[in-house]
Amino acid sequence: MDILSLTVGQEIGSRTFHFTRDSLVKYAGASGDFNPIHYRDDFAQSVGLDGVLAHGMLTMGAAVQAAVDWVGDSGKVIDYGVRFTKPVFVPADTGAEVSVTGKIGAIDIENKTVRVDLSASCVEVAVLGKAQAVVKF
């Protein structure tokens, strides 16, 4: 892929991730984040939430995968940041679908980098804001 062939606004790909309660338990084990809002409905509701929600970093990590798939090497992602705008609630019976789409937001020919703007939504509600990954070519 040649950086000169890219255009701002060009879609780079999309992915859908299915989060289940099992996904949350596995992520909790890997991350060490065992906050009960991520696996106990009763606790989540006792603190004012509608139910169990996915870890923000799990959602963030899943979203950047669209950029990684496009560039083909996670090491080429040299910067990444998001704002968490809405939680991803994960019902016990159905789980949750997070849809991610990436578009080229900026091209820096001199530094050989591309900013990928990612949109992530669950039930048609944006769950990340200003999700941007910078990819080195």
N, C-alpha and C. Protein backbone atom coordinates (compact mmCIF):
# COMPACT_ATOMS: atom_id res chain seq x y z
N MET A 1 0.85 -1.17 0.00
CA MET A 1 0.00 0.00 0.00
C MET A 1 0.90 1.24 0.00
N ASP A 2 0.59 2.15 -0.87
CA ASP A 2 1.38 3.38 -1.02
C ASP A 2 0.62 4.55 -0.39
N ILE A 3 1.28 5.29 0.47
CA ILE A 3 0.65 6.42 1.15
C ILE A 3 0.11 7.44 0.15
N LEU A 4 0.74 7.57 -1.01
CA LEU A 4 0.31 8.54 -2.02
C LEU A 4 -1.02 8.16 -2.67
N SER A 5 -1.41 6.90 -2.54
CA SER A 5 -2.67 6.45 -3.15
C SER A 5 -3.86 6.63 -2.21
N LEU A 6 -3.62 7.11 -1.00
CA LEU A 6 -4.68 7.26 -0.01
C LEU A 6 -5.32 8.64 -0.10
N THR A 7 -6.59 8.73 0.33
CA THR A 7 -7.29 10.01 0.35
C THR A 7 -8.01 10.19 1.68
N VAL A 8 -8.06 11.42 2.13
CA VAL A 8 -8.80 11.73 3.35
C VAL A 8 -10.28 11.39 3.12
N GLY A 9 -10.87 10.72 4.10
CA GLY A 9 -12.26 10.30 4.01
C GLY A 9 -12.43 8.88 3.51
N GLN A 10 -11.37 8.31 2.99
CA GLN A 10 -11.41 6.94 2.48
C GLN A 10 -11.65 5.96 3.63
N GLU A 11 -12.60 5.05 3.46
CA GLU A 11 -12.86 4.03 4.47
C GLU A 11 -11.78 2.96 4.38
N ILE A 12 -11.26 2.58 5.54
CA ILE A 12 -10.19 1.58 5.57
C ILE A 12 -10.70 0.21 5.98
N GLY A 13 -11.92 0.14 6.47
CA GLY A 13 -12.48 -1.15 6.86
C GLY A 13 -13.38 -1.02 8.07
N SER A 14 -14.04 -2.12 8.36
CA SER A 14 -14.92 -2.15 9.52
C SER A 14 -14.90 -3.55 10.12
N ARG A 15 -15.27 -3.62 11.38
CA ARG A 15 -15.32 -4.88 12.11
C ARG A 15 -16.45 -4.82 13.11
N THR A 16 -16.98 -5.97 13.42
CA THR A 16 -17.96 -6.08 14.49
C THR A 16 -17.43 -7.05 15.53
N PHE A 17 -17.53 -6.66 16.78
CA PHE A 17 -17.05 -7.48 17.89
C PHE A 17 -18.24 -7.88 18.75
N HIS A 18 -18.28 -9.13 19.13
CA HIS A 18 -19.35 -9.62 19.99
C HIS A 18 -18.76 -9.84 21.39
N PHE A 19 -19.24 -9.06 22.35
CA PHE A 19 -18.80 -9.20 23.73
C PHE A 19 -19.84 -10.03 24.48
N THR A 20 -19.38 -11.00 25.22
CA THR A 20 -20.24 -11.81 26.08
C THR A 20 -19.76 -11.66 27.51
N ARG A 21 -20.52 -12.21 28.43
CA ARG A 21 -20.05 -12.19 29.81
C ARG A 21 -18.75 -12.99 29.94
N ASP A 22 -18.62 -14.05 29.15
CA ASP A 22 -17.35 -14.80 29.15
C ASP A 22 -16.21 -13.91 28.69
N SER A 23 -16.44 -13.07 27.67
CA SER A 23 -15.41 -12.14 27.19
C SER A 23 -14.96 -11.22 28.33
N LEU A 24 -15.92 -10.76 29.11
CA LEU A 24 -15.60 -9.83 30.19
C LEU A 24 -14.76 -10.52 31.28
N VAL A 25 -15.11 -11.77 31.59
CA VAL A 25 -14.36 -12.51 32.60
C VAL A 25 -12.93 -12.76 32.12
N LYS A 26 -12.79 -13.14 30.85
CA LYS A 26 -11.46 -13.37 30.30
C LYS A 26 -10.64 -12.07 30.31
N TYR A 27 -11.28 -10.97 29.93
CA TYR A 27 -10.56 -9.70 29.93
C TYR A 27 -10.18 -9.31 31.36
N ALA A 28 -11.07 -9.53 32.31
CA ALA A 28 -10.76 -9.21 33.70
C ALA A 28 -9.53 -9.98 34.17
N GLY A 29 -9.45 -11.25 33.79
CA GLY A 29 -8.31 -12.06 34.17
C GLY A 29 -7.02 -11.56 33.53
N ALA A 30 -7.10 -11.16 32.27
CA ALA A 30 -5.91 -10.68 31.56
C ALA A 30 -5.47 -9.31 32.06
N SER A 31 -6.43 -8.46 32.40
CA SER A 31 -6.09 -7.08 32.78
C SER A 31 -5.92 -6.89 34.28
N GLY A 32 -6.49 -7.80 35.06
CA GLY A 32 -6.47 -7.63 36.51
C GLY A 32 -7.56 -6.71 37.02
N ASP A 33 -8.47 -6.29 36.14
CA ASP A 33 -9.57 -5.40 36.53
C ASP A 33 -10.80 -6.24 36.89
N PHE A 34 -10.94 -6.52 38.17
CA PHE A 34 -12.05 -7.36 38.63
C PHE A 34 -13.16 -6.54 39.29
N ASN A 35 -13.35 -5.32 38.84
CA ASN A 35 -14.44 -4.49 39.36
C ASN A 35 -15.76 -5.22 39.07
N PRO A 36 -16.59 -5.43 40.08
CA PRO A 36 -17.82 -6.21 39.88
C PRO A 36 -18.85 -5.58 38.94
N ILE A 37 -18.67 -4.33 38.54
CA ILE A 37 -19.60 -3.76 37.55
C ILE A 37 -19.45 -4.46 36.20
N HIS A 38 -18.36 -5.23 36.05
CA HIS A 38 -18.10 -5.92 34.79
C HIS A 38 -18.58 -7.37 34.78
N TYR A 39 -19.18 -7.83 35.90
CA TYR A 39 -19.66 -9.21 35.88
C TYR A 39 -20.85 -9.49 36.80
N ARG A 40 -21.25 -8.54 37.63
CA ARG A 40 -22.38 -8.78 38.54
C ARG A 40 -23.48 -7.75 38.32
N ASP A 41 -24.62 -8.23 37.83
CA ASP A 41 -25.76 -7.34 37.61
C ASP A 41 -26.19 -6.65 38.89
N ASP A 42 -26.29 -7.38 39.98
CA ASP A 42 -26.76 -6.79 41.23
C ASP A 42 -25.85 -5.65 41.68
N PHE A 43 -24.56 -5.84 41.58
CA PHE A 43 -23.63 -4.79 41.98
C PHE A 43 -23.71 -3.60 41.04
N ALA A 44 -23.72 -3.87 39.74
CA ALA A 44 -23.80 -2.78 38.76
C ALA A 44 -25.05 -1.93 39.02
N GLN A 45 -26.17 -2.57 39.28
CA GLN A 45 -27.41 -1.84 39.53
C GLN A 45 -27.37 -1.09 40.86
N SER A 46 -26.65 -1.65 41.83
CA SER A 46 -26.56 -0.98 43.14
C SER A 46 -25.79 0.33 43.07
N VAL A 47 -24.97 0.50 42.04
CA VAL A 47 -24.22 1.75 41.88
C VAL A 47 -24.83 2.63 40.79
N GLY A 48 -26.06 2.31 40.37
CA GLY A 48 -26.80 3.17 39.45
C GLY A 48 -26.67 2.85 37.98
N LEU A 49 -26.05 1.73 37.64
CA LEU A 49 -25.93 1.35 36.23
C LEU A 49 -27.11 0.49 35.82
N ASP A 50 -27.37 0.44 34.52
CA ASP A 50 -28.47 -0.38 34.02
C ASP A 50 -28.13 -1.86 34.02
N GLY A 51 -26.87 -2.18 34.14
CA GLY A 51 -26.44 -3.57 34.16
C GLY A 51 -24.93 -3.64 33.99
N VAL A 52 -24.47 -4.85 33.77
CA VAL A 52 -23.03 -5.10 33.59
C VAL A 52 -22.54 -4.40 32.34
N LEU A 53 -21.35 -3.80 32.44
CA LEU A 53 -20.80 -3.13 31.27
C LEU A 53 -19.39 -3.62 30.98
N ALA A 54 -19.03 -3.53 29.70
CA ALA A 54 -17.71 -3.95 29.25
C ALA A 54 -16.66 -2.99 29.78
N HIS A 55 -15.48 -3.49 29.97
CA HIS A 55 -14.34 -2.67 30.36
C HIS A 55 -14.08 -1.65 29.25
N GLY A 56 -13.84 -0.42 29.62
CA GLY A 56 -13.54 0.60 28.61
C GLY A 56 -12.32 0.25 27.78
N MET A 57 -11.31 -0.29 28.43
CA MET A 57 -10.09 -0.64 27.70
C MET A 57 -10.30 -1.82 26.76
N LEU A 58 -11.25 -2.68 27.07
CA LEU A 58 -11.59 -3.77 26.14
C LEU A 58 -12.21 -3.18 24.88
N THR A 59 -13.12 -2.25 25.05
CA THR A 59 -13.76 -1.58 23.91
C THR A 59 -12.72 -0.81 23.10
N MET A 60 -11.84 -0.11 23.79
CA MET A 60 -10.79 0.67 23.12
C MET A 60 -9.86 -0.26 22.33
N GLY A 61 -9.47 -1.36 22.94
CA GLY A 61 -8.59 -2.31 22.28
C GLY A 61 -9.23 -2.96 21.07
N ALA A 62 -10.50 -3.27 21.18
CA ALA A 62 -11.20 -3.87 20.04
C ALA A 62 -11.29 -2.87 18.90
N ALA A 63 -11.58 -1.62 19.21
CA ALA A 63 -11.77 -0.61 18.16
C ALA A 63 -10.51 -0.40 17.32
N VAL A 64 -9.36 -0.39 17.94
CA VAL A 64 -8.12 -0.14 17.18
C VAL A 64 -7.80 -1.29 16.23
N GLN A 65 -8.43 -2.44 16.44
CA GLN A 65 -8.15 -3.58 15.59
C GLN A 65 -8.49 -3.30 14.12
N ALA A 66 -9.44 -2.44 13.87
CA ALA A 66 -9.77 -2.08 12.48
C ALA A 66 -8.56 -1.43 11.80
N ALA A 67 -7.84 -0.58 12.51
CA ALA A 67 -6.64 0.05 11.96
C ALA A 67 -5.51 -0.97 11.82
N VAL A 68 -5.38 -1.84 12.80
CA VAL A 68 -4.34 -2.87 12.74
C VAL A 68 -4.57 -3.80 11.56
N ASP A 69 -5.81 -4.23 11.36
CA ASP A 69 -6.13 -5.09 10.23
C ASP A 69 -5.77 -4.42 8.91
N TRP A 70 -6.04 -3.13 8.82
CA TRP A 70 -5.79 -2.39 7.59
C TRP A 70 -4.30 -2.27 7.30
N VAL A 71 -3.51 -1.91 8.31
CA VAL A 71 -2.09 -1.68 8.10
C VAL A 71 -1.29 -3.00 8.16
N GLY A 72 -1.86 -4.02 8.79
CA GLY A 72 -1.25 -5.33 8.78
C GLY A 72 -0.18 -5.59 9.83
N ASP A 73 0.04 -4.64 10.74
CA ASP A 73 1.09 -4.80 11.74
C ASP A 73 0.78 -3.87 12.91
N SER A 74 0.52 -4.44 14.08
CA SER A 74 0.17 -3.61 15.24
C SER A 74 1.30 -2.67 15.63
N GLY A 75 2.53 -3.01 15.30
CA GLY A 75 3.67 -2.16 15.61
C GLY A 75 3.70 -0.86 14.82
N LYS A 76 2.90 -0.79 13.77
CA LYS A 76 2.84 0.43 12.96
C LYS A 76 1.88 1.47 13.55
N VAL A 77 1.11 1.08 14.55
CA VAL A 77 0.24 2.04 15.24
C VAL A 77 1.13 2.73 16.28
N ILE A 78 1.45 4.00 16.02
CA ILE A 78 2.40 4.70 16.88
C ILE A 78 1.74 5.62 17.91
N ASP A 79 0.45 5.85 17.76
CA ASP A 79 -0.29 6.66 18.73
C ASP A 79 -1.75 6.28 18.64
N TYR A 80 -2.42 6.31 19.77
CA TYR A 80 -3.84 5.95 19.80
C TYR A 80 -4.48 6.55 21.03
N GLY A 81 -5.64 7.15 20.84
CA GLY A 81 -6.38 7.70 21.95
C GLY A 81 -7.87 7.73 21.66
N VAL A 82 -8.66 7.71 22.71
CA VAL A 82 -10.11 7.78 22.58
C VAL A 82 -10.68 8.58 23.75
N ARG A 83 -11.92 8.94 23.59
CA ARG A 83 -12.73 9.45 24.70
C ARG A 83 -13.87 8.46 24.87
N PHE A 84 -14.13 8.07 26.09
CA PHE A 84 -15.23 7.15 26.36
C PHE A 84 -16.51 7.98 26.50
N THR A 85 -17.46 7.74 25.60
CA THR A 85 -18.67 8.57 25.59
C THR A 85 -19.89 7.88 26.19
N LYS A 86 -20.02 6.59 25.98
CA LYS A 86 -21.15 5.82 26.53
C LYS A 86 -20.64 4.42 26.88
N PRO A 87 -21.22 3.83 27.91
CA PRO A 87 -20.81 2.47 28.26
C PRO A 87 -21.41 1.44 27.29
N VAL A 88 -20.73 0.29 27.22
CA VAL A 88 -21.24 -0.84 26.45
C VAL A 88 -21.83 -1.82 27.45
N PHE A 89 -23.16 -1.86 27.51
CA PHE A 89 -23.83 -2.80 28.41
C PHE A 89 -23.85 -4.18 27.75
N VAL A 90 -23.58 -5.20 28.55
CA VAL A 90 -23.46 -6.57 28.03
C VAL A 90 -24.49 -7.45 28.73
N PRO A 91 -25.69 -7.61 28.13
CA PRO A 91 -26.70 -8.47 28.72
C PRO A 91 -26.22 -9.93 28.80
N ALA A 92 -26.60 -10.61 29.86
CA ALA A 92 -26.16 -11.99 30.07
C ALA A 92 -26.65 -12.93 28.98
N ASP A 93 -27.85 -12.68 28.45
CA ASP A 93 -28.43 -13.62 27.49
C ASP A 93 -27.98 -13.39 26.05
N THR A 94 -27.76 -12.15 25.66
CA THR A 94 -27.45 -11.86 24.25
C THR A 94 -26.05 -11.33 24.00
N GLY A 95 -25.40 -10.81 25.01
CA GLY A 95 -24.12 -10.14 24.80
C GLY A 95 -24.34 -8.80 24.12
N ALA A 96 -23.28 -8.25 23.58
CA ALA A 96 -23.35 -6.93 22.95
C ALA A 96 -22.48 -6.91 21.70
N GLU A 97 -22.97 -6.23 20.68
CA GLU A 97 -22.23 -6.06 19.42
C GLU A 97 -21.67 -4.64 19.38
N VAL A 98 -20.37 -4.54 19.15
CA VAL A 98 -19.72 -3.25 18.96
C VAL A 98 -19.24 -3.20 17.52
N SER A 99 -19.74 -2.23 16.77
CA SER A 99 -19.38 -2.06 15.37
C SER A 99 -18.38 -0.92 15.24
N VAL A 100 -17.31 -1.19 14.50
CA VAL A 100 -16.23 -0.21 14.34
C VAL A 100 -15.97 0.03 12.85
N THR A 101 -15.84 1.30 12.49
CA THR A 101 -15.48 1.67 11.13
C THR A 101 -14.32 2.65 11.20
N GLY A 102 -13.37 2.47 10.29
CA GLY A 102 -12.23 3.37 10.24
C GLY A 102 -12.20 4.14 8.93
N LYS A 103 -11.83 5.41 9.02
CA LYS A 103 -11.66 6.26 7.84
C LYS A 103 -10.38 7.06 8.00
N ILE A 104 -9.77 7.37 6.88
CA ILE A 104 -8.57 8.19 6.92
C ILE A 104 -8.97 9.63 7.25
N GLY A 105 -8.39 10.13 8.35
CA GLY A 105 -8.71 11.48 8.79
C GLY A 105 -7.69 12.51 8.37
N ALA A 106 -6.43 12.08 8.20
CA ALA A 106 -5.36 12.99 7.80
C ALA A 106 -4.19 12.18 7.27
N ILE A 107 -3.46 12.79 6.35
CA ILE A 107 -2.28 12.16 5.76
C ILE A 107 -1.13 13.14 5.89
N ASP A 108 -0.03 12.67 6.47
CA ASP A 108 1.17 13.49 6.61
C ASP A 108 2.26 12.83 5.78
N ILE A 109 2.41 13.32 4.55
CA ILE A 109 3.36 12.73 3.60
C ILE A 109 4.79 12.86 4.14
N GLU A 110 5.12 14.04 4.68
CA GLU A 110 6.49 14.29 5.15
C GLU A 110 6.92 13.30 6.23
N ASN A 111 6.03 13.05 7.20
CA ASN A 111 6.36 12.13 8.30
C ASN A 111 5.93 10.69 8.03
N LYS A 112 5.32 10.47 6.87
CA LYS A 112 4.85 9.14 6.47
C LYS A 112 3.91 8.53 7.50
N THR A 113 2.92 9.34 7.92
CA THR A 113 1.92 8.85 8.87
C THR A 113 0.51 9.13 8.33
N VAL A 114 -0.41 8.33 8.79
CA VAL A 114 -1.82 8.49 8.47
C VAL A 114 -2.60 8.44 9.77
N ARG A 115 -3.51 9.39 9.95
CA ARG A 115 -4.40 9.34 11.10
C ARG A 115 -5.66 8.61 10.68
N VAL A 116 -6.00 7.58 11.41
CA VAL A 116 -7.23 6.83 11.15
C VAL A 116 -8.25 7.23 12.20
N ASP A 117 -9.38 7.73 11.76
CA ASP A 117 -10.48 8.09 12.65
C ASP A 117 -11.41 6.90 12.76
N LEU A 118 -11.63 6.45 13.98
CA LEU A 118 -12.45 5.26 14.23
C LEU A 118 -13.77 5.66 14.85
N SER A 119 -14.84 5.07 14.36
CA SER A 119 -16.14 5.25 15.02
C SER A 119 -16.56 3.89 15.56
N ALA A 120 -17.01 3.88 16.80
CA ALA A 120 -17.44 2.64 17.45
C ALA A 120 -18.82 2.86 18.04
N SER A 121 -19.71 1.93 17.76
CA SER A 121 -21.07 2.07 18.28
C SER A 121 -21.62 0.73 18.75
N CYS A 122 -22.57 0.82 19.64
CA CYS A 122 -23.29 -0.34 20.15
C CYS A 122 -24.76 0.04 20.18
N VAL A 123 -25.58 -0.74 19.55
CA VAL A 123 -27.00 -0.46 19.40
C VAL A 123 -27.19 0.95 18.83
N GLU A 124 -26.39 1.25 17.82
CA GLU A 124 -26.44 2.51 17.08
C GLU A 124 -26.15 3.75 17.94
N VAL A 125 -25.48 3.56 19.06
CA VAL A 125 -25.07 4.67 19.93
C VAL A 125 -23.55 4.69 19.96
N ALA A 126 -22.97 5.86 19.70
CA ALA A 126 -21.51 6.00 19.73
C ALA A 126 -21.00 5.74 21.14
N VAL A 127 -20.03 4.83 21.26
CA VAL A 127 -19.48 4.51 22.58
C VAL A 127 -18.07 5.06 22.76
N LEU A 128 -17.45 5.50 21.68
CA LEU A 128 -16.15 6.16 21.75
C LEU A 128 -16.22 7.46 20.97
N GLY A 129 -15.54 8.46 21.46
CA GLY A 129 -15.46 9.73 20.76
C GLY A 129 -14.00 10.04 20.48
N LYS A 130 -13.75 10.76 19.42
CA LYS A 130 -12.40 11.16 19.04
C LYS A 130 -11.42 9.98 19.14
N ALA A 131 -11.85 8.84 18.62
CA ALA A 131 -10.99 7.66 18.57
C ALA A 131 -10.09 7.80 17.35
N GLN A 132 -8.81 7.99 17.60
CA GLN A 132 -7.86 8.24 16.51
C GLN A 132 -6.59 7.42 16.71
N ALA A 133 -6.19 6.74 15.65
CA ALA A 133 -4.93 6.00 15.66
C ALA A 133 -4.02 6.60 14.60
N VAL A 134 -2.77 6.78 14.94
CA VAL A 134 -1.78 7.26 13.98
C VAL A 134 -0.94 6.06 13.56
N VAL A 135 -0.88 5.87 12.25
CA VAL A 135 -0.19 4.72 11.67
C VAL A 135 1.03 5.21 10.88
N LYS A 136 2.16 4.55 11.10
CA LYS A 136 3.41 4.89 10.40
C LYS A 136 3.56 4.02 9.16
N PHE A 137 3.89 4.64 8.05
CA PHE A 137 4.14 3.91 6.80
C PHE A 137 5.62 3.78 6.55
